[in-house]
């Protein structure tokens, strides 16, 4: 094949040079017979659009016309890229083998790195995490040996947390209760007592006092009587030294105080509960072994005529303070009152306009009392109080005798006595009674022996007995339903 550089060139469509295989340019449908002498090369005509139309750039050349001489053999045309284009286009004209080798080597190295990383991710992610500094997955590599050394925890933080969680209350149960009793001594109204219980009492005790609050404050008399009754049920303790023997038992959230007063004057059992990390007073159960009232120095009120009735009793009944027999019936004023007769006129004592009869709501008992006295009901101990204008009062309480004790045993246990004197015994309508030596308190039991009635006369603070005979008449008038 002749060299392409020596072959005449013509430009066809899209800048492709068409070169005759035999070294001579071909015209439109012109062919040189084999072995024919070559004459001087004629000047090639310029390529026109028709040339491109008649002879395609690629594919099989069109068949010659059916007429005319048939050449011995047709040499196909050869198409080649111009040298100028090869020189300026490396993709078309090729590039250095070194560049291709580097590309292949880089691709191989990249694949090795990716494959190794994938292998490490599957079989040893811990080591991969160590290299990359990121947690990839799997089991985390154990810490460095120096980090495994035990470091002591700061004791301050631990001890503080423990102390806060298990901190003991600021005051012990007995300290709280003695403070409660000390402040109770200064209470004068039921409202003051309510505030005291709100400060020291537990939730149950506060609720109980709230239910009695309005009833106790109905009148000034009931208010004072309620506070006095509360104080009388507890011993006067202003410091732990006054309490004698104290035993304290704490179980979880509950504390139980057992107190024995000096000379066994009283014994108490007090329950306290822990609320908001503070001890609060709950149920109180005191058994007071009071000394016989005879030990107290009482003075009888003034008696101008010396008939045994005090001047205030005669004023109350309307009798004459200067006459021992006000109605001139031959009986002294005192004898008539003691037997429930009217000293200021005829008939019974109940017929006196200053006396009226009280009948219990359940109609279980009745008795006489001065009509000018204020009658109140104390729901705390289910008692009835009859109070005079000068602050003397008679209180009637009823207790259930669940153990069916005899009256003698009941009084002995209550007053810590060893014997009962016959002079203390009294009888009435369907009841038996024991009166104390001073005549200010009597214990009465009904015939069924299921209830015990307690009547007590409390003079004012000056210990002057202004109504002792009125109290005796109230006892004698007591009628208990059989």
Protein backbone atom coordinates (compact mmCIF):
# COMPACT_ATOMS: atom_id res chain seq x y z
CA UNK A 1 0.00 0.00 0.00
CA UNK A 2 1.43 3.39 -0.91
CA UNK A 3 2.22 5.75 2.02
CA UNK A 4 -0.55 8.08 2.92
CA UNK A 5 1.67 11.11 3.15
CA UNK A 6 2.45 10.92 -0.58
CA UNK A 7 -1.13 10.49 -1.68
CA UNK A 8 -2.97 13.49 -2.97
CA UNK A 9 -5.56 14.72 -0.45
CA UNK A 10 -8.98 16.10 -0.87
CA UNK A 11 -11.32 17.26 2.00
CA UNK A 12 -14.76 15.87 2.13
CA UNK A 13 -17.60 16.10 4.63
CA UNK A 14 -16.74 16.79 8.29
CA UNK A 15 -13.07 17.51 7.50
CA UNK A 16 -12.15 13.88 6.45
CA UNK A 17 -9.50 13.46 3.77
CA UNK A 18 -10.33 10.96 1.07
CA UNK A 19 -7.27 9.25 -0.39
CA UNK A 20 -7.28 7.03 -3.43
CA UNK A 21 -5.83 3.66 -2.71
CA UNK A 22 -3.90 3.64 -5.87
CA UNK A 23 -2.30 6.95 -5.15
CA UNK A 24 -4.39 8.94 -7.53
CA UNK A 25 -7.25 11.07 -6.58
CA UNK A 26 -10.61 9.88 -7.73
CA UNK A 27 -13.19 12.07 -9.36
CA UNK A 28 -16.76 11.60 -9.59
CA UNK A 29 -17.15 8.13 -11.06
CA UNK A 30 -13.44 8.25 -12.58
CA UNK A 31 -11.21 5.17 -12.35
CA UNK A 32 -7.80 4.42 -13.90
CA UNK A 33 -7.34 1.02 -15.46
CA UNK A 34 -4.72 -1.26 -13.97
CA UNK A 35 -1.30 -0.80 -15.62
CA UNK A 36 -2.21 2.36 -17.47
CA UNK A 37 0.53 4.95 -17.66
CA UNK A 38 0.22 7.74 -15.25
CA UNK A 39 0.34 11.14 -16.70
CA UNK A 40 1.02 14.36 -14.97
CA UNK A 41 -1.34 14.86 -12.12
CA UNK A 42 -4.12 17.08 -13.14
CA UNK A 43 -5.30 19.81 -10.87
CA UNK A 44 -8.01 18.51 -8.54
CA UNK A 45 -11.24 20.31 -8.72
CA UNK A 46 -12.63 21.69 -5.47
CA UNK A 47 -15.02 19.51 -3.60
CA UNK A 48 -18.59 20.56 -3.92
CA UNK A 49 -21.59 19.59 -1.86
CA UNK A 50 -22.61 17.29 -4.72
CA UNK A 51 -19.43 15.24 -4.17
CA UNK A 52 -20.44 14.60 -0.59
CA UNK A 53 -23.89 13.69 -1.78
CA UNK A 54 -22.75 11.27 -4.52
CA UNK A 55 -20.10 9.51 -2.34
CA UNK A 56 -20.86 8.88 1.32
CA UNK A 57 -18.14 9.17 3.91
CA UNK A 58 -18.59 5.65 5.22
CA UNK A 59 -20.24 2.44 4.09
CA UNK A 60 -20.15 0.60 0.71
CA UNK A 61 -19.64 2.81 -2.37
CA UNK A 62 -22.54 2.96 -4.74
CA UNK A 63 -22.61 0.42 -7.62
CA UNK A 64 -21.43 1.69 -11.03
CA UNK A 65 -23.93 2.27 -13.70
CA UNK A 66 -25.14 -0.76 -15.57
CA UNK A 67 -23.75 0.58 -18.83
CA UNK A 68 -20.21 1.44 -19.79
CA UNK A 69 -16.96 -0.39 -19.35
CA UNK A 70 -16.49 -2.44 -16.11
CA UNK A 71 -13.08 -1.99 -14.45
CA UNK A 72 -11.03 -5.03 -13.59
CA UNK A 73 -11.10 -4.28 -9.86
CA UNK A 74 -12.27 -1.41 -7.70
CA UNK A 75 -9.84 -0.26 -5.06
CA UNK A 76 -11.78 1.10 -2.06
CA UNK A 77 -11.14 4.56 -0.83
CA UNK A 78 -9.30 5.02 2.55
CA UNK A 79 -10.31 7.66 5.03
CA UNK A 80 -7.83 9.01 7.59
CA UNK A 81 -7.59 11.75 10.29
CA UNK A 82 -5.65 14.81 9.19
CA UNK A 83 -2.21 15.18 10.74
CA UNK A 84 -3.01 18.62 12.03
CA UNK A 85 -5.95 17.21 14.00
CA UNK A 86 -3.85 14.33 15.33
CA UNK A 87 -1.24 16.74 16.57
CA UNK A 88 -3.68 18.86 18.62
CA UNK A 89 -6.01 16.16 20.08
CA UNK A 90 -4.48 13.75 22.62
CA UNK A 91 -7.58 11.64 23.01
CA UNK A 92 -7.85 11.09 19.35
CA UNK A 93 -4.17 10.91 18.79
CA UNK A 94 -3.24 8.88 21.99
CA UNK A 95 -1.28 9.68 25.22
CA UNK A 96 1.78 8.55 27.18
CA UNK A 97 1.76 4.93 28.51
CA UNK A 98 3.06 6.18 31.93
CA UNK A 99 -0.13 8.09 32.62
CA UNK A 100 -2.25 5.05 31.94
CA UNK A 101 -0.10 2.93 34.24
CA UNK A 102 -0.48 5.46 37.07
CA UNK A 103 -4.23 5.51 36.63
CA UNK A 104 -4.42 1.73 36.83
CA UNK A 105 -2.10 1.64 39.86
CA UNK A 106 -4.14 4.30 41.70
CA UNK A 107 -7.37 2.48 41.01
CA UNK A 108 -5.88 -0.76 42.32
CA UNK A 109 -4.63 0.95 45.50
CA UNK A 110 -8.04 2.53 46.08
CA UNK A 111 -9.74 -0.84 45.77
CA UNK A 112 -7.27 -2.37 48.24
CA UNK A 113 -7.99 0.37 50.82
CA UNK A 114 -11.75 0.04 50.43
CA UNK A 115 -11.59 -3.75 50.65
CA UNK A 116 -9.36 -3.63 53.74
CA UNK A 117 -11.67 -1.19 55.46
CA UNK A 118 -14.67 -3.34 54.75
CA UNK A 119 -12.83 -6.39 56.11
CA UNK A 120 -11.93 -4.50 59.34
CA UNK A 121 -15.51 -3.27 59.74
CA UNK A 122 -16.83 -6.83 59.61
CA UNK A 123 -14.18 -8.75 61.60
CA UNK A 124 -12.38 -6.23 63.84
CA UNK A 125 -14.37 -2.98 64.25
CA UNK A 126 -12.66 -2.23 67.56
CA UNK A 127 -9.27 -1.85 65.91
CA UNK A 128 -10.84 0.24 63.19
CA UNK A 129 -12.33 2.50 65.87
CA UNK A 130 -8.89 2.91 67.44
CA UNK A 131 -7.34 3.96 64.11
CA UNK A 132 -10.11 6.35 63.10
CA UNK A 133 -10.97 7.75 66.54
CA UNK A 134 -14.67 7.07 65.91
CA UNK A 135 -16.90 4.37 67.41
CA UNK A 136 -17.75 2.09 64.49
CA UNK A 137 -19.47 -0.80 66.19
CA UNK A 138 -18.80 -4.12 67.84
CA UNK A 139 -16.99 -4.40 71.16
CA UNK A 140 -15.34 -1.22 72.35
CA UNK A 141 -11.67 -1.59 73.02
CA UNK A 142 -10.87 -1.82 76.75
CA UNK A 143 -9.60 1.37 78.37
CA UNK A 144 -5.93 2.03 78.73
CA UNK A 145 -4.34 0.48 81.85
CA UNK A 146 -3.84 3.83 83.55
CA UNK A 147 -7.56 4.55 83.33
CA UNK A 148 -8.37 1.22 85.01
CA UNK A 149 -6.79 2.37 88.29
CA UNK A 150 -9.53 2.86 90.90
CA UNK A 151 -9.95 6.51 91.77
CA UNK A 152 -11.57 7.10 95.19
CA UNK A 153 -14.84 9.00 95.03
CA UNK A 154 -14.86 12.26 96.88
CA UNK A 155 -16.33 11.34 100.30
CA UNK A 156 -17.98 14.72 100.75
CA UNK A 157 -20.49 14.21 97.94
CA UNK A 158 -21.36 10.63 98.97
CA UNK A 159 -21.68 11.41 102.66
CA UNK A 160 -23.79 14.47 101.99
CA UNK A 161 -26.23 12.51 99.86
CA UNK A 162 -26.50 9.75 102.48
CA UNK A 163 -26.93 12.22 105.31
CA UNK A 164 -29.70 14.05 103.45
CA UNK A 165 -31.63 10.87 102.72
CA UNK A 166 -31.41 9.48 106.27
CA UNK A 167 -31.22 12.68 108.31
CA UNK A 168 -32.83 12.28 111.74
CA UNK A 169 -35.60 14.69 112.80
CA UNK A 170 -34.39 17.83 114.51
CA UNK A 171 -36.13 16.94 117.81
CA UNK A 172 -36.80 13.63 119.54
CA UNK A 173 -40.40 12.49 120.19
CA UNK A 174 -40.25 13.21 123.91
CA UNK A 175 -38.79 16.69 123.32
CA UNK A 176 -41.66 17.48 120.96
CA UNK A 177 -44.26 16.25 123.45
CA UNK A 178 -42.79 18.11 126.42
CA UNK A 179 -42.73 21.33 124.35
CA UNK A 180 -46.39 20.69 123.52
CA UNK A 181 -47.30 20.33 127.21
CA UNK A 182 -45.26 23.38 128.16
CA UNK A 183 -47.15 25.57 125.69
CA UNK A 184 -50.46 23.97 126.66
CA UNK A 185 -50.09 25.51 130.14
CA UNK A 186 -50.37 28.98 128.57
CA UNK A 187 -53.47 28.24 126.49
CA UNK A 188 -56.59 30.18 127.56
CA UNK A 189 -59.02 29.83 124.62
CA UNK A 190 -59.95 26.96 122.37
CA UNK A 191 -58.64 28.94 119.39
CA UNK A 192 -55.23 29.03 121.11
CA UNK A 193 -55.49 25.30 121.68
CA UNK A 194 -56.34 24.75 118.00
CA UNK A 195 -53.25 26.70 116.94
CA UNK A 196 -51.14 24.66 119.37
CA UNK A 197 -52.42 21.38 117.96
CA UNK A 198 -51.86 22.66 114.40
CA UNK A 199 -48.23 23.24 115.36
CA UNK A 200 -47.49 19.99 117.21
CA UNK A 201 -50.26 17.56 116.25
CA UNK A 202 -50.41 15.03 113.44
CA UNK A 203 -53.06 15.10 110.73
CA UNK A 204 -55.53 12.93 112.67
CA UNK A 205 -55.31 15.03 115.83
CA UNK A 206 -55.77 18.27 113.88
CA UNK A 207 -58.89 16.87 112.18
CA UNK A 208 -60.35 15.83 115.55
CA UNK A 209 -59.83 19.30 117.04
CA UNK A 210 -61.30 20.99 113.96
CA UNK A 211 -64.55 19.08 114.48
CA UNK A 212 -64.83 20.44 118.04
CA UNK A 213 -63.70 23.97 117.23
CA UNK A 214 -67.05 25.61 116.47
CA UNK A 215 -68.89 23.81 119.27
CA UNK A 216 -66.34 24.86 121.88
CA UNK A 217 -66.55 28.51 120.79
CA UNK A 218 -70.34 28.75 121.01
CA UNK A 219 -70.13 30.91 124.11
CA UNK A 220 -67.36 32.29 126.28
CA UNK A 221 -68.39 29.87 129.02
CA UNK A 222 -68.17 26.78 126.86
CA UNK A 223 -64.87 28.00 125.46
CA UNK A 224 -63.33 28.39 128.92
CA UNK A 225 -64.83 25.12 130.16
CA UNK A 226 -63.45 23.21 127.19
CA UNK A 227 -59.93 24.51 127.70
CA UNK A 228 -60.07 23.80 131.43
CA UNK A 229 -61.25 20.23 130.82
CA UNK A 230 -58.41 19.67 128.35
CA UNK A 231 -55.80 20.87 130.83
CA UNK A 232 -57.22 18.75 133.62
CA UNK A 233 -56.79 15.60 131.57
CA UNK A 234 -53.02 15.99 131.30
CA UNK A 235 -50.46 16.47 134.06
CA UNK A 236 -48.63 19.74 134.49
CA UNK A 237 -45.28 19.06 132.82
CA UNK A 238 -43.12 22.00 131.80
CA UNK A 239 -39.79 20.18 131.48
CA UNK A 240 -38.57 16.58 131.09
CA UNK A 241 -37.50 16.66 134.74
CA UNK A 242 -41.13 16.90 135.83
CA UNK A 243 -42.08 13.69 134.02
CA UNK A 244 -40.34 11.14 136.23
CA UNK A 245 -39.75 7.90 134.32
CA UNK A 246 -39.95 8.21 130.51
CA UNK A 247 -39.60 5.33 128.05
CA UNK A 248 -39.34 6.03 124.32
CA UNK A 249 -39.71 3.33 121.67
CA UNK A 250 -39.34 4.24 117.99
CA UNK A 251 -40.50 1.85 115.28
CA UNK A 252 -40.10 3.09 111.71
CA UNK A 253 -42.52 6.05 111.42
CA UNK A 254 -44.09 5.71 114.88
CA UNK A 255 -42.88 6.55 118.37
CA UNK A 256 -44.48 5.49 121.66
CA UNK A 257 -43.84 7.36 124.89
CA UNK A 258 -44.61 5.76 128.26
CA UNK A 259 -44.51 8.27 131.11
CA UNK A 260 -44.85 7.53 134.82
CA UNK A 261 -45.16 10.66 136.91
CA UNK A 262 -43.38 10.89 140.30
CA UNK A 263 -45.25 9.13 143.13
CA UNK A 264 -47.37 7.42 140.46
CA UNK A 265 -49.66 10.40 140.30
CA UNK A 266 -50.35 9.71 136.65
CA UNK A 267 -49.31 7.39 133.87
CA UNK A 268 -49.52 8.26 130.21
CA UNK A 269 -49.10 6.61 126.83
CA UNK A 270 -48.55 8.97 123.94
CA UNK A 271 -48.27 8.04 120.29
CA UNK A 272 -46.34 10.22 117.84
CA UNK A 273 -45.97 9.84 114.08
CA UNK A 274 -43.25 11.04 111.72
CA UNK A 275 -44.59 13.54 109.21
CA UNK A 276 -42.33 15.55 106.89
CA UNK A 277 -39.33 14.39 108.93
CA UNK A 278 -40.75 15.83 112.16
CA UNK A 279 -42.43 14.06 115.08
CA UNK A 280 -46.10 15.00 115.55
CA UNK A 281 -48.26 14.33 118.62
CA UNK A 282 -51.10 11.88 118.10
CA UNK A 283 -53.25 9.96 120.56
CA UNK A 284 -52.80 10.71 124.26
CA UNK A 285 -54.02 8.39 126.98
CA UNK A 286 -53.48 9.64 130.53
CA UNK A 287 -54.69 7.94 133.69
CA UNK A 288 -54.56 10.48 136.47
CA UNK A 289 -54.32 9.12 139.98
CA UNK A 290 -55.38 12.28 141.70
CA UNK A 291 -54.99 12.67 145.40
CA UNK A 292 -58.19 12.91 147.34
CA UNK A 293 -59.61 16.40 147.04
CA UNK A 294 -59.55 16.61 150.85
CA UNK A 295 -55.87 17.45 150.48
CA UNK A 296 -56.90 20.66 148.72
CA UNK A 297 -57.85 23.48 151.02
CA UNK A 298 -61.34 24.57 150.01
CA UNK A 299 -63.26 27.27 151.79
CA UNK A 300 -67.05 27.38 152.01
CA UNK A 301 -68.71 30.58 150.88
CA UNK A 302 -70.24 33.16 153.18
CA UNK A 303 -73.32 32.05 155.19
CA UNK A 304 -74.91 35.05 156.90
CA UNK A 305 -77.61 33.19 158.86
CA UNK A 306 -75.51 30.08 159.45
CA UNK A 307 -78.17 27.65 158.21
CA UNK A 308 -75.74 25.76 156.00
CA UNK A 309 -76.82 27.35 152.73
CA UNK A 310 -74.33 29.86 151.42
CA UNK A 311 -75.49 33.36 150.69
CA UNK A 312 -75.12 32.75 146.94
CA UNK A 313 -77.25 29.61 147.16
CA UNK A 314 -79.99 31.52 149.01
CA UNK A 315 -79.86 34.27 146.39
CA UNK A 316 -80.18 31.65 143.67
CA UNK A 317 -83.18 29.89 145.33
CA UNK A 318 -84.90 33.09 146.52
CA UNK A 319 -84.72 32.19 150.25
CA UNK A 320 -83.89 34.59 153.05
CA UNK A 321 -80.20 34.97 153.86
CA UNK A 322 -81.09 36.20 157.34
CA UNK A 323 -83.56 33.44 158.25
CA UNK A 324 -82.71 29.76 158.69
CA UNK A 325 -86.33 28.80 157.87
CA UNK A 326 -87.31 31.12 155.06
CA UNK A 327 -90.82 29.66 154.50
CA UNK A 328 -91.52 29.08 158.21
CA UNK A 329 -92.58 25.47 157.68
CA UNK A 330 -90.54 24.13 160.54
CA UNK A 331 -87.72 22.81 158.37
CA UNK A 332 -84.44 24.59 157.93
CA UNK A 333 -83.52 25.83 154.52
CA UNK A 334 -80.60 23.39 154.33
CA UNK A 335 -82.74 20.36 155.28
CA UNK A 336 -85.30 21.20 152.65
CA UNK A 337 -82.72 21.56 149.84
CA UNK A 338 -80.95 18.31 150.87
CA UNK A 339 -84.26 16.43 150.53
CA UNK A 340 -85.24 18.19 147.28
CA UNK A 341 -87.83 20.51 148.81
CA UNK A 342 -88.30 24.17 148.13
CA UNK A 343 -86.86 26.32 150.96
CA UNK A 344 -88.56 29.45 149.65
CA UNK A 345 -92.08 28.07 149.46
CA UNK A 346 -94.27 25.02 149.31
CA UNK A 347 -93.85 21.82 147.31
CA UNK A 348 -90.75 20.25 145.80
CA UNK A 349 -87.51 21.85 144.79
CA UNK A 350 -88.40 21.40 141.12
CA UNK A 351 -91.34 23.78 141.76
CA UNK A 352 -88.92 26.57 142.55
CA UNK A 353 -88.75 28.92 139.56
CA UNK A 354 -84.97 28.96 139.79
CA UNK A 355 -84.69 25.18 139.28
CA UNK A 356 -85.40 23.14 136.15
CA UNK A 357 -85.02 19.52 135.09
CA UNK A 358 -82.60 18.28 132.45
CA UNK A 359 -83.48 15.17 130.40
CA UNK A 360 -80.76 13.56 128.29
CA UNK A 361 -81.34 13.40 124.54
CA UNK A 362 -81.58 9.61 124.69
CA UNK A 363 -83.79 9.89 127.79
CA UNK A 364 -81.41 7.62 129.69
CA UNK A 365 -81.14 9.92 132.73
CA UNK A 366 -82.38 13.20 134.20
CA UNK A 367 -81.46 15.60 137.03
CA UNK A 368 -82.20 19.06 138.43
CA UNK A 369 -80.04 22.15 137.92
CA UNK A 370 -80.31 25.95 138.39
CA UNK A 371 -82.26 27.43 135.50
CA UNK A 372 -80.00 30.50 135.34
CA UNK A 373 -76.93 28.39 134.75
CA UNK A 374 -75.72 27.90 131.19
CA UNK A 375 -75.91 24.33 129.96
CA UNK A 376 -73.46 23.15 127.25
CA UNK A 377 -72.47 19.86 125.68
CA UNK A 378 -68.80 18.90 125.22
CA UNK A 379 -68.47 16.50 122.28
CA UNK A 380 -64.84 15.72 123.11
CA UNK A 381 -65.70 13.66 126.18
CA UNK A 382 -69.48 13.47 125.65
CA UNK A 383 -70.12 15.47 128.82
CA UNK A 384 -72.72 18.01 129.91
CA UNK A 385 -71.60 21.16 131.72
CA UNK A 386 -73.78 23.39 133.90
CA UNK A 387 -72.00 26.70 134.55
CA UNK A 388 -72.85 29.60 136.87
CA UNK A 389 -72.33 33.25 136.04
CA UNK A 390 -69.38 33.42 138.48
CA UNK A 391 -67.58 30.50 136.72
CA UNK A 392 -68.48 27.60 139.00
CA UNK A 393 -69.62 24.53 137.10
CA UNK A 394 -70.88 20.98 137.51
CA UNK A 395 -69.82 18.48 134.87
CA UNK A 396 -71.50 15.15 134.16
CA UNK A 397 -69.55 12.52 132.18
CA UNK A 398 -70.55 9.01 131.13
CA UNK A 399 -68.09 6.17 130.58
CA UNK A 400 -68.76 2.69 129.24
CA UNK A 401 -67.93 -0.12 131.65
CA UNK A 402 -66.87 -2.67 129.03
CA UNK A 403 -65.00 -4.84 131.55
CA UNK A 404 -68.00 -4.99 133.88
CA UNK A 405 -65.94 -3.84 136.85
CA UNK A 406 -67.58 -3.32 140.18
CA UNK A 407 -67.87 0.29 141.27
CA UNK A 408 -65.34 -0.30 144.07
CA UNK A 409 -62.74 -1.74 141.70
CA UNK A 410 -63.29 1.04 139.21
CA UNK A 411 -62.74 3.76 141.80
CA UNK A 412 -59.72 1.99 143.33
CA UNK A 413 -58.01 1.68 139.96
CA UNK A 414 -58.86 5.21 138.93
CA UNK A 415 -57.83 6.94 142.15
CA UNK A 416 -55.08 4.49 143.10
CA UNK A 417 -56.78 3.59 146.36
CA UNK A 418 -56.41 0.52 148.51
CA UNK A 419 -59.73 0.70 150.37
CA UNK A 420 -63.21 2.17 150.12
CA UNK A 421 -64.80 3.78 153.16
CA UNK A 422 -68.45 3.16 153.92
CA UNK A 423 -68.98 6.86 154.54
CA UNK A 424 -68.40 7.43 150.83
CA UNK A 425 -71.31 5.29 149.69
CA UNK A 426 -74.45 6.84 148.28
CA UNK A 427 -77.62 5.41 146.73
CA UNK A 428 -80.20 6.83 144.39
CA UNK A 429 -82.93 5.89 141.95
CA UNK A 430 -81.55 2.78 140.15
CA UNK A 431 -77.94 3.50 140.99
CA UNK A 432 -75.12 3.07 143.54
CA UNK A 433 -72.44 5.69 144.12
CA UNK A 434 -69.15 6.51 145.84
CA UNK A 435 -68.44 10.13 146.75
CA UNK A 436 -65.05 11.52 147.60
CA UNK A 437 -64.28 12.75 151.10
CA UNK A 438 -64.58 16.42 150.16
CA UNK A 439 -67.98 15.83 148.56
CA UNK A 440 -66.93 17.36 145.22
CA UNK A 441 -66.97 14.26 143.05
CA UNK A 442 -69.14 11.14 142.86
CA UNK A 443 -68.97 7.96 140.76
CA UNK A 444 -72.30 6.31 139.99
CA UNK A 445 -72.99 2.91 138.41
CA UNK A 446 -76.35 1.82 137.01
CA UNK A 447 -78.06 -1.44 137.82
CA UNK A 448 -76.89 -3.04 134.55
CA UNK A 449 -73.33 -2.06 135.46
CA UNK A 450 -72.60 -1.18 131.85
CA UNK A 451 -72.20 2.57 132.43
CA UNK A 452 -70.52 4.77 135.01
CA UNK A 453 -71.71 8.36 135.57
CA UNK A 454 -69.26 10.87 137.01
CA UNK A 455 -70.46 14.16 138.51
CA UNK A 456 -67.91 16.73 139.57
CA UNK A 457 -68.24 20.16 141.10
CA UNK A 458 -65.45 22.58 140.12
CA UNK A 459 -65.31 25.87 142.02
CA UNK A 460 -63.71 28.94 140.51
CA UNK A 461 -59.98 29.51 140.74
CA UNK A 462 -60.17 30.97 144.25
CA UNK A 463 -61.23 27.53 145.68
CA UNK A 464 -64.25 28.99 147.42
CA UNK A 465 -67.20 26.58 147.50
CA UNK A 466 -70.22 28.78 146.74
CA UNK A 467 -72.65 26.03 145.62
CA UNK A 468 -71.86 22.81 147.52
CA UNK A 469 -75.51 22.20 148.51
CA UNK A 470 -76.79 22.81 144.99
CA UNK A 471 -74.31 20.13 143.84
CA UNK A 472 -75.59 17.67 146.46
CA UNK A 473 -79.17 18.32 145.36
CA UNK A 474 -78.19 17.63 141.74
CA UNK A 475 -76.69 14.27 142.81
CA UNK A 476 -79.76 13.31 144.79
CA UNK A 477 -82.07 14.27 141.88
CA UNK A 478 -80.22 12.01 139.40
CA UNK A 479 -82.58 9.40 137.95
CA UNK A 480 -81.16 6.70 135.68
CA UNK A 481 -83.43 4.68 133.41
CA UNK A 482 -83.57 1.07 134.47
